């Protein structure tokens, strides 16, 4: 597994955008976090949204081999 981003803080209600490079899909990502999140697959990027009601979340994003 390749670490794409490590210990990224996503504030309440905000998104973190991952540009699509090559044939990257949302299914290829492994997202590690202690909070709730939602993955949104857009045509040009993949968005990881903080879906926690009260807190910022710390996220580590990895790519499956």
Foldseek 3Di string as FASTA:
>chain_A
DAWPDFFDKAFAFGKDKAFDDDPDDPVQKDKDKPADWDWDTDPGTIIITGPHPDGIITIIIDGHD
